[in-house]
Amino acid sequence: MVCSRPTAGPTPPTGPDEPGTGHGGRRTRGGARDRADHGGHRGGERAPADWATGEVRIAEVAVPGAPSRLRAHSVRFAAGARTCWHRHPHGQVLHVTDGVGLVQREGGPVEEIRVGDTVWIEPDEWHWHGASPHTAMTHLAVQEAGDDGVEAGRGPLVGDAEYPA
């Protein structure tokens, strides 16, 4: 289930740090909004082949030291690329910053996600996500590592029979 969709029109600033805008950004002197991802992707490492089908690049946004277990990554999927089935011990938030993507939870339908959509994945819920067949997608992925430091448990790759063409 997509948790939220963007509303029509910009949200007016609420102060210097703009809390409550849903963007977590601030205005620069030129008036542009600072964001983790400006619609493009700033490099990152290629995802391991056992974690993804197709071209997927992962860039760290925030991985603070202990005692924090927060992990935030900007993930860029080429058209048709997707993760394997996986789960996170404390759940995951996905926020689409560019393109059109897909997400599916175990036993549920494939859902389309677009720029501005935010998705909450429950703790230990098996799921996959990636780009749509014909459009690349970038999202911010935020999760908390488990007590053992592991961010996700991996399942099988999402095959062409499961992925909507």
N, C-alpha and C. Protein backbone atom coordinates (compact mmCIF):
# COMPACT_ATOMS: atom_id res chain seq x y z
N MET A 1 0.84 -1.17 0.00
CA MET A 1 0.00 0.00 0.00
C MET A 1 0.89 1.24 0.00
N VAL A 2 0.63 2.13 -0.90
CA VAL A 2 1.33 3.40 -0.93
C VAL A 2 0.77 4.23 0.21
N CYS A 3 1.65 4.76 1.06
CA CYS A 3 1.21 5.50 2.25
C CYS A 3 0.74 6.90 1.92
N SER A 4 1.45 7.55 1.01
CA SER A 4 1.04 8.92 0.69
C SER A 4 1.39 9.24 -0.74
N ARG A 5 0.65 10.14 -1.30
CA ARG A 5 0.91 10.65 -2.63
C ARG A 5 1.06 12.16 -2.51
N PRO A 6 1.85 12.77 -3.38
CA PRO A 6 1.99 14.22 -3.29
C PRO A 6 0.67 14.91 -3.57
N THR A 7 0.49 16.06 -2.94
CA THR A 7 -0.70 16.85 -3.18
C THR A 7 -0.41 17.82 -4.29
N ALA A 8 -1.45 18.38 -4.86
CA ALA A 8 -1.27 19.34 -5.95
C ALA A 8 -0.68 20.62 -5.40
N GLY A 9 0.32 21.14 -6.08
CA GLY A 9 0.91 22.41 -5.70
C GLY A 9 1.94 22.28 -4.61
N PRO A 10 2.82 23.27 -4.50
CA PRO A 10 3.87 23.22 -3.49
C PRO A 10 3.32 23.49 -2.10
N THR A 11 4.03 22.97 -1.10
CA THR A 11 3.69 23.23 0.29
C THR A 11 4.41 24.50 0.71
N PRO A 12 3.70 25.49 1.26
CA PRO A 12 4.37 26.72 1.64
C PRO A 12 5.35 26.48 2.77
N PRO A 13 6.44 27.26 2.82
CA PRO A 13 7.41 27.12 3.90
C PRO A 13 6.77 27.41 5.25
N THR A 14 7.25 26.69 6.30
CA THR A 14 6.72 26.91 7.64
C THR A 14 7.77 27.51 8.55
N GLY A 15 8.94 27.83 8.02
CA GLY A 15 10.01 28.41 8.83
C GLY A 15 11.35 28.10 8.21
N PRO A 16 12.44 28.50 8.86
CA PRO A 16 13.76 28.34 8.27
C PRO A 16 14.12 26.90 7.96
N ASP A 17 13.72 25.95 8.78
CA ASP A 17 14.02 24.55 8.53
C ASP A 17 12.84 23.83 7.89
N GLU A 18 11.75 24.52 7.72
CA GLU A 18 10.54 24.01 7.11
C GLU A 18 10.07 22.69 7.68
N PRO A 19 9.95 22.54 9.02
CA PRO A 19 9.42 21.29 9.54
C PRO A 19 7.98 21.11 9.12
N GLY A 20 7.59 19.89 8.95
CA GLY A 20 6.21 19.60 8.63
C GLY A 20 5.86 19.71 7.16
N THR A 21 6.84 20.01 6.30
CA THR A 21 6.52 20.13 4.88
C THR A 21 6.47 18.78 4.21
N GLY A 22 7.01 17.75 4.89
CA GLY A 22 7.07 16.44 4.26
C GLY A 22 8.30 16.29 3.39
N HIS A 23 9.10 17.34 3.26
CA HIS A 23 10.28 17.28 2.42
C HIS A 23 11.56 17.19 3.24
N GLY A 24 11.54 17.68 4.48
CA GLY A 24 12.72 17.65 5.33
C GLY A 24 13.84 18.53 4.81
N GLY A 25 13.53 19.41 3.89
CA GLY A 25 14.57 20.24 3.28
C GLY A 25 14.54 21.65 3.83
N ARG A 26 15.44 22.44 3.31
CA ARG A 26 15.47 23.85 3.66
C ARG A 26 15.74 24.61 2.38
N ARG A 27 15.40 25.88 2.38
CA ARG A 27 15.65 26.69 1.20
C ARG A 27 17.08 27.22 1.23
N THR A 28 17.72 27.21 0.07
CA THR A 28 19.05 27.80 -0.05
C THR A 28 18.89 29.28 -0.36
N ARG A 29 19.99 30.01 -0.41
CA ARG A 29 19.92 31.44 -0.72
C ARG A 29 19.25 31.69 -2.05
N GLY A 30 19.44 30.80 -3.01
CA GLY A 30 18.82 30.97 -4.33
C GLY A 30 17.37 30.54 -4.37
N GLY A 31 16.86 29.97 -3.27
CA GLY A 31 15.47 29.58 -3.21
C GLY A 31 15.22 28.13 -3.58
N ALA A 32 16.24 27.42 -4.04
CA ALA A 32 16.05 26.01 -4.39
C ALA A 32 16.01 25.18 -3.12
N ARG A 33 15.32 24.06 -3.17
CA ARG A 33 15.22 23.18 -2.02
C ARG A 33 16.39 22.19 -2.03
N ASP A 34 17.08 22.07 -0.88
CA ASP A 34 18.11 21.04 -0.74
C ASP A 34 17.39 19.71 -0.61
N ARG A 35 17.89 18.70 -1.33
CA ARG A 35 17.30 17.37 -1.26
C ARG A 35 18.41 16.35 -1.35
N ALA A 36 18.12 15.12 -0.92
CA ALA A 36 19.11 14.05 -1.00
C ALA A 36 19.36 13.67 -2.44
N ASP A 37 18.38 13.85 -3.30
CA ASP A 37 18.50 13.44 -4.69
C ASP A 37 17.78 14.48 -5.54
N HIS A 38 18.47 15.07 -6.48
CA HIS A 38 17.90 16.13 -7.30
C HIS A 38 17.37 15.63 -8.62
N GLY A 39 16.81 14.41 -8.62
CA GLY A 39 16.23 13.86 -9.84
C GLY A 39 17.21 13.02 -10.61
N GLY A 40 18.50 13.22 -10.42
CA GLY A 40 19.52 12.38 -11.03
C GLY A 40 20.06 11.45 -9.97
N HIS A 41 21.19 10.84 -10.24
CA HIS A 41 21.80 9.96 -9.26
C HIS A 41 23.28 10.21 -9.23
N ARG A 42 23.82 10.34 -8.07
CA ARG A 42 25.23 10.68 -7.92
C ARG A 42 26.07 9.42 -7.72
N GLY A 43 26.21 8.62 -8.76
CA GLY A 43 27.09 7.45 -8.70
C GLY A 43 26.54 6.33 -7.87
N GLY A 44 27.32 5.92 -6.90
CA GLY A 44 26.94 4.79 -6.08
C GLY A 44 27.58 3.52 -6.63
N GLU A 45 27.38 2.45 -5.91
CA GLU A 45 27.93 1.16 -6.30
C GLU A 45 26.85 0.30 -6.92
N ARG A 46 27.26 -0.54 -7.84
CA ARG A 46 26.32 -1.48 -8.46
C ARG A 46 25.87 -2.50 -7.41
N ALA A 47 24.58 -2.78 -7.37
CA ALA A 47 24.05 -3.77 -6.43
C ALA A 47 24.58 -5.16 -6.81
N PRO A 48 24.86 -6.01 -5.83
CA PRO A 48 25.32 -7.37 -6.14
C PRO A 48 24.29 -8.14 -6.97
N ALA A 49 24.76 -9.01 -7.84
CA ALA A 49 23.88 -9.76 -8.75
C ALA A 49 22.89 -10.64 -8.02
N ASP A 50 23.22 -11.09 -6.81
CA ASP A 50 22.27 -11.93 -6.07
C ASP A 50 21.22 -11.11 -5.34
N TRP A 51 21.31 -9.78 -5.41
CA TRP A 51 20.33 -8.89 -4.79
C TRP A 51 19.42 -8.21 -5.79
N ALA A 52 19.80 -8.20 -7.07
CA ALA A 52 19.01 -7.43 -8.03
C ALA A 52 19.11 -8.02 -9.43
N THR A 53 18.07 -7.79 -10.20
CA THR A 53 18.03 -8.12 -11.62
C THR A 53 18.11 -6.80 -12.38
N GLY A 54 19.06 -6.68 -13.29
CA GLY A 54 19.23 -5.45 -14.05
C GLY A 54 20.19 -4.49 -13.37
N GLU A 55 20.31 -3.31 -13.93
CA GLU A 55 21.24 -2.29 -13.44
C GLU A 55 20.63 -1.53 -12.27
N VAL A 56 21.20 -1.75 -11.08
CA VAL A 56 20.75 -1.07 -9.86
C VAL A 56 21.99 -0.48 -9.19
N ARG A 57 21.95 0.81 -8.88
CA ARG A 57 23.09 1.48 -8.23
C ARG A 57 22.62 2.03 -6.89
N ILE A 58 23.46 1.85 -5.87
CA ILE A 58 23.12 2.24 -4.50
C ILE A 58 24.16 3.23 -3.99
N ALA A 59 23.69 4.39 -3.54
CA ALA A 59 24.57 5.42 -2.98
C ALA A 59 24.17 5.68 -1.53
N GLU A 60 25.14 5.62 -0.62
CA GLU A 60 24.86 5.94 0.78
C GLU A 60 24.48 7.41 0.91
N VAL A 61 23.42 7.66 1.66
CA VAL A 61 23.02 9.03 1.98
C VAL A 61 23.39 9.30 3.44
N ALA A 62 23.05 8.35 4.32
CA ALA A 62 23.38 8.50 5.73
C ALA A 62 23.53 7.11 6.35
N VAL A 63 24.70 6.88 6.94
CA VAL A 63 24.96 5.66 7.70
C VAL A 63 25.75 6.10 8.94
N PRO A 64 25.04 6.67 9.92
CA PRO A 64 25.73 7.17 11.10
C PRO A 64 26.35 6.03 11.92
N GLY A 65 27.32 6.39 12.73
CA GLY A 65 27.96 5.41 13.60
C GLY A 65 27.09 5.04 14.79
N ALA A 66 27.55 4.04 15.54
CA ALA A 66 26.84 3.58 16.74
C ALA A 66 26.71 4.75 17.71
N PRO A 67 25.64 4.81 18.45
CA PRO A 67 24.65 3.75 18.64
C PRO A 67 23.52 3.75 17.62
N SER A 68 23.54 4.68 16.66
CA SER A 68 22.49 4.72 15.64
C SER A 68 22.56 3.48 14.76
N ARG A 69 21.38 3.00 14.35
CA ARG A 69 21.30 1.88 13.40
C ARG A 69 20.59 2.32 12.11
N LEU A 70 20.40 3.63 11.96
CA LEU A 70 19.75 4.20 10.78
C LEU A 70 20.60 3.97 9.54
N ARG A 71 19.96 3.64 8.43
CA ARG A 71 20.63 3.49 7.14
C ARG A 71 19.73 4.15 6.11
N ALA A 72 20.30 5.06 5.32
CA ALA A 72 19.55 5.72 4.24
C ALA A 72 20.38 5.65 2.98
N HIS A 73 19.76 5.20 1.89
CA HIS A 73 20.44 5.05 0.60
C HIS A 73 19.56 5.62 -0.50
N SER A 74 20.20 6.19 -1.50
CA SER A 74 19.52 6.56 -2.74
C SER A 74 19.77 5.41 -3.71
N VAL A 75 18.70 4.85 -4.24
CA VAL A 75 18.81 3.66 -5.09
C VAL A 75 18.23 3.99 -6.47
N ARG A 76 19.04 3.79 -7.50
CA ARG A 76 18.64 4.07 -8.88
C ARG A 76 18.48 2.76 -9.63
N PHE A 77 17.28 2.53 -10.18
CA PHE A 77 16.96 1.34 -10.95
C PHE A 77 16.81 1.73 -12.42
N ALA A 78 17.53 1.06 -13.32
CA ALA A 78 17.29 1.23 -14.75
C ALA A 78 15.92 0.63 -15.06
N ALA A 79 15.34 1.00 -16.19
CA ALA A 79 14.05 0.43 -16.58
C ALA A 79 14.13 -1.09 -16.53
N GLY A 80 13.15 -1.71 -15.88
CA GLY A 80 13.07 -3.17 -15.78
C GLY A 80 13.89 -3.77 -14.66
N ALA A 81 14.72 -2.99 -13.98
CA ALA A 81 15.54 -3.52 -12.88
C ALA A 81 14.72 -3.59 -11.60
N ARG A 82 15.05 -4.56 -10.74
CA ARG A 82 14.32 -4.73 -9.48
C ARG A 82 15.17 -5.50 -8.48
N THR A 83 14.79 -5.37 -7.20
CA THR A 83 15.47 -6.10 -6.14
C THR A 83 15.02 -7.56 -6.16
N CYS A 84 15.69 -8.36 -5.36
CA CYS A 84 15.19 -9.71 -5.07
C CYS A 84 14.10 -9.56 -3.99
N TRP A 85 13.41 -10.66 -3.70
CA TRP A 85 12.53 -10.66 -2.54
C TRP A 85 13.42 -10.47 -1.32
N HIS A 86 13.02 -9.62 -0.39
CA HIS A 86 13.80 -9.40 0.81
C HIS A 86 12.92 -8.84 1.91
N ARG A 87 13.48 -8.77 3.11
CA ARG A 87 12.76 -8.21 4.26
C ARG A 87 13.74 -7.48 5.16
N HIS A 88 13.22 -6.56 5.97
CA HIS A 88 14.02 -5.75 6.88
C HIS A 88 13.53 -5.98 8.31
N PRO A 89 14.45 -6.15 9.26
CA PRO A 89 14.03 -6.48 10.63
C PRO A 89 13.15 -5.42 11.28
N HIS A 90 13.34 -4.16 10.91
CA HIS A 90 12.55 -3.07 11.51
C HIS A 90 11.70 -2.33 10.48
N GLY A 91 11.49 -2.93 9.33
CA GLY A 91 10.69 -2.29 8.29
C GLY A 91 11.54 -1.36 7.43
N GLN A 92 10.88 -0.72 6.47
CA GLN A 92 11.58 0.16 5.53
C GLN A 92 10.61 1.23 5.02
N VAL A 93 11.15 2.42 4.80
CA VAL A 93 10.42 3.50 4.14
C VAL A 93 11.08 3.72 2.78
N LEU A 94 10.26 3.77 1.74
CA LEU A 94 10.72 4.10 0.38
C LEU A 94 10.06 5.42 -0.01
N HIS A 95 10.85 6.33 -0.55
CA HIS A 95 10.29 7.61 -1.02
C HIS A 95 10.82 7.83 -2.44
N VAL A 96 9.93 7.85 -3.42
CA VAL A 96 10.31 7.95 -4.82
C VAL A 96 10.69 9.39 -5.15
N THR A 97 11.91 9.56 -5.71
CA THR A 97 12.41 10.89 -6.05
C THR A 97 12.48 11.13 -7.56
N ASP A 98 12.38 10.05 -8.36
CA ASP A 98 12.46 10.21 -9.81
C ASP A 98 11.87 8.98 -10.49
N GLY A 99 11.13 9.19 -11.55
CA GLY A 99 10.65 8.09 -12.38
C GLY A 99 9.40 7.40 -11.88
N VAL A 100 9.23 6.16 -12.37
CA VAL A 100 8.06 5.34 -12.05
C VAL A 100 8.57 3.96 -11.65
N GLY A 101 8.03 3.44 -10.55
CA GLY A 101 8.48 2.14 -10.06
C GLY A 101 7.34 1.23 -9.71
N LEU A 102 7.73 0.06 -9.20
CA LEU A 102 6.78 -0.96 -8.78
C LEU A 102 7.21 -1.48 -7.41
N VAL A 103 6.25 -1.87 -6.61
CA VAL A 103 6.53 -2.52 -5.32
C VAL A 103 5.49 -3.62 -5.13
N GLN A 104 5.91 -4.73 -4.53
CA GLN A 104 4.98 -5.82 -4.23
C GLN A 104 5.35 -6.43 -2.89
N ARG A 105 4.31 -6.65 -2.08
CA ARG A 105 4.47 -7.36 -0.82
C ARG A 105 4.02 -8.80 -1.03
N GLU A 106 4.59 -9.71 -0.27
CA GLU A 106 4.22 -11.12 -0.40
C GLU A 106 2.70 -11.29 -0.28
N GLY A 107 2.10 -11.95 -1.27
CA GLY A 107 0.67 -12.19 -1.27
C GLY A 107 -0.17 -11.03 -1.76
N GLY A 108 0.46 -9.90 -2.07
CA GLY A 108 -0.29 -8.72 -2.49
C GLY A 108 -0.09 -8.40 -3.96
N PRO A 109 -0.81 -7.42 -4.46
CA PRO A 109 -0.69 -7.03 -5.87
C PRO A 109 0.58 -6.20 -6.11
N VAL A 110 1.01 -6.13 -7.35
CA VAL A 110 2.09 -5.22 -7.73
C VAL A 110 1.48 -3.83 -7.78
N GLU A 111 2.12 -2.86 -7.12
CA GLU A 111 1.62 -1.49 -7.07
C GLU A 111 2.57 -0.56 -7.79
N GLU A 112 2.03 0.38 -8.54
CA GLU A 112 2.84 1.41 -9.20
C GLU A 112 3.13 2.52 -8.20
N ILE A 113 4.38 3.00 -8.21
CA ILE A 113 4.77 4.13 -7.36
C ILE A 113 5.42 5.19 -8.23
N ARG A 114 5.16 6.46 -7.89
CA ARG A 114 5.64 7.59 -8.69
C ARG A 114 6.32 8.62 -7.81
N VAL A 115 6.92 9.62 -8.45
CA VAL A 115 7.62 10.69 -7.75
C VAL A 115 6.72 11.26 -6.65
N GLY A 116 7.28 11.36 -5.45
CA GLY A 116 6.56 11.89 -4.30
C GLY A 116 5.86 10.84 -3.48
N ASP A 117 5.67 9.62 -4.00
CA ASP A 117 5.03 8.56 -3.23
C ASP A 117 5.96 8.07 -2.14
N THR A 118 5.37 7.76 -0.99
CA THR A 118 6.10 7.19 0.14
C THR A 118 5.42 5.87 0.51
N VAL A 119 6.24 4.83 0.66
CA VAL A 119 5.74 3.49 0.94
C VAL A 119 6.34 3.01 2.26
N TRP A 120 5.53 2.43 3.13
CA TRP A 120 6.00 1.82 4.37
C TRP A 120 5.90 0.31 4.23
N ILE A 121 7.02 -0.36 4.45
CA ILE A 121 7.08 -1.82 4.45
C ILE A 121 7.17 -2.26 5.91
N GLU A 122 6.29 -3.14 6.34
CA GLU A 122 6.26 -3.59 7.74
C GLU A 122 7.52 -4.38 8.10
N PRO A 123 7.89 -4.43 9.39
CA PRO A 123 9.03 -5.24 9.80
C PRO A 123 8.86 -6.70 9.37
N ASP A 124 9.93 -7.27 8.84
CA ASP A 124 10.00 -8.67 8.38
C ASP A 124 9.00 -9.03 7.29
N GLU A 125 8.46 -8.03 6.60
CA GLU A 125 7.52 -8.27 5.49
C GLU A 125 8.32 -8.52 4.21
N TRP A 126 8.12 -9.68 3.59
CA TRP A 126 8.79 -9.99 2.33
C TRP A 126 8.23 -9.10 1.24
N HIS A 127 9.12 -8.52 0.43
CA HIS A 127 8.70 -7.59 -0.61
C HIS A 127 9.82 -7.44 -1.63
N TRP A 128 9.50 -6.81 -2.73
CA TRP A 128 10.51 -6.37 -3.72
C TRP A 128 10.06 -5.03 -4.27
N HIS A 129 11.00 -4.31 -4.87
CA HIS A 129 10.68 -3.03 -5.50
C HIS A 129 11.69 -2.76 -6.59
N GLY A 130 11.30 -1.93 -7.54
CA GLY A 130 12.18 -1.59 -8.65
C GLY A 130 11.51 -0.66 -9.62
N ALA A 131 12.15 -0.49 -10.77
CA ALA A 131 11.63 0.39 -11.81
C ALA A 131 10.50 -0.30 -12.57
N SER A 132 9.71 0.50 -13.25
CA SER A 132 8.70 -0.06 -14.14
C SER A 132 9.42 -0.63 -15.37
N PRO A 133 8.74 -1.41 -16.19
CA PRO A 133 9.41 -2.04 -17.34
C PRO A 133 10.03 -1.05 -18.32
N HIS A 134 9.47 0.16 -18.45
CA HIS A 134 9.93 1.09 -19.48
C HIS A 134 10.46 2.42 -18.95
N THR A 135 10.51 2.58 -17.62
CA THR A 135 10.93 3.84 -17.03
C THR A 135 11.85 3.59 -15.84
N ALA A 136 12.98 4.29 -15.79
CA ALA A 136 13.88 4.19 -14.64
C ALA A 136 13.21 4.81 -13.41
N MET A 137 13.75 4.48 -12.23
CA MET A 137 13.19 5.01 -10.99
C MET A 137 14.31 5.15 -9.96
N THR A 138 14.25 6.23 -9.18
CA THR A 138 15.15 6.42 -8.05
C THR A 138 14.29 6.60 -6.81
N HIS A 139 14.69 5.94 -5.73
CA HIS A 139 14.01 6.16 -4.46
C HIS A 139 15.02 6.28 -3.33
N LEU A 140 14.59 6.94 -2.29
CA LEU A 140 15.32 6.98 -1.05
C LEU A 140 14.82 5.81 -0.22
N ALA A 141 15.72 4.97 0.27
CA ALA A 141 15.36 3.82 1.11
C ALA A 141 15.92 4.07 2.50
N VAL A 142 15.05 4.02 3.51
CA VAL A 142 15.45 4.27 4.88
C VAL A 142 15.02 3.08 5.73
N GLN A 143 15.97 2.52 6.46
CA GLN A 143 15.69 1.40 7.33
C GLN A 143 16.65 1.42 8.50
N GLU A 144 16.34 0.62 9.51
CA GLU A 144 17.18 0.48 10.68
C GLU A 144 17.76 -0.92 10.68
N ALA A 145 19.05 -1.03 10.89
CA ALA A 145 19.69 -2.34 10.97
C ALA A 145 19.24 -3.05 12.25
N GLY A 146 19.27 -4.37 12.22
CA GLY A 146 18.95 -5.16 13.40
C GLY A 146 20.06 -5.08 14.43
N ASP A 147 19.86 -5.71 15.58
CA ASP A 147 20.87 -5.73 16.64
C ASP A 147 22.19 -6.31 16.15
N ASP A 148 22.12 -7.20 15.16
CA ASP A 148 23.31 -7.84 14.61
C ASP A 148 23.96 -7.02 13.50
N GLY A 149 23.40 -5.84 13.19
CA GLY A 149 23.94 -4.98 12.15
C GLY A 149 23.42 -5.28 10.76
N VAL A 150 22.59 -6.32 10.60
CA VAL A 150 22.06 -6.70 9.29
C VAL A 150 20.86 -5.83 8.95
N GLU A 151 20.89 -5.26 7.73
CA GLU A 151 19.80 -4.39 7.26
C GLU A 151 18.66 -5.15 6.61
N ALA A 152 18.99 -6.28 5.96
CA ALA A 152 17.96 -7.00 5.20
C ALA A 152 18.32 -8.48 5.08
N GLY A 153 17.28 -9.30 5.01
CA GLY A 153 17.43 -10.72 4.70
C GLY A 153 17.02 -10.95 3.27
N ARG A 154 17.83 -11.69 2.52
CA ARG A 154 17.62 -11.87 1.09
C ARG A 154 16.86 -13.15 0.80
N GLY A 155 15.96 -13.07 -0.19
CA GLY A 155 15.24 -14.21 -0.72
C GLY A 155 15.59 -14.39 -2.20
N PRO A 156 14.74 -15.09 -2.95
CA PRO A 156 15.05 -15.34 -4.36
C PRO A 156 14.89 -14.08 -5.22
N LEU A 157 15.57 -14.09 -6.36
CA LEU A 157 15.39 -13.02 -7.34
C LEU A 157 13.96 -13.04 -7.86
N VAL A 158 13.47 -11.88 -8.27
CA VAL A 158 12.14 -11.77 -8.88
C VAL A 158 12.32 -12.10 -10.36
N GLY A 159 11.74 -13.22 -10.77
CA GLY A 159 11.89 -13.69 -12.14
C GLY A 159 10.99 -12.94 -13.11
N ASP A 160 11.26 -13.16 -14.39
CA ASP A 160 10.47 -12.49 -15.43
C ASP A 160 9.00 -12.89 -15.36
N ALA A 161 8.69 -14.11 -14.88
CA ALA A 161 7.30 -14.55 -14.77
C ALA A 161 6.55 -13.76 -13.70
N GLU A 162 7.25 -13.31 -12.65
CA GLU A 162 6.63 -12.54 -11.56
C GLU A 162 6.55 -11.06 -11.87
N TYR A 163 7.48 -10.59 -12.70
CA TYR A 163 7.61 -9.16 -12.97
C TYR A 163 6.71 -8.77 -14.14
N PRO A 164 5.82 -7.80 -13.94
CA PRO A 164 4.90 -7.42 -15.03
C PRO A 164 5.63 -6.72 -16.18
N ALA A 165 5.48 -7.27 -17.37
CA ALA A 165 6.16 -6.69 -18.54
C ALA A 165 5.34 -5.61 -19.20
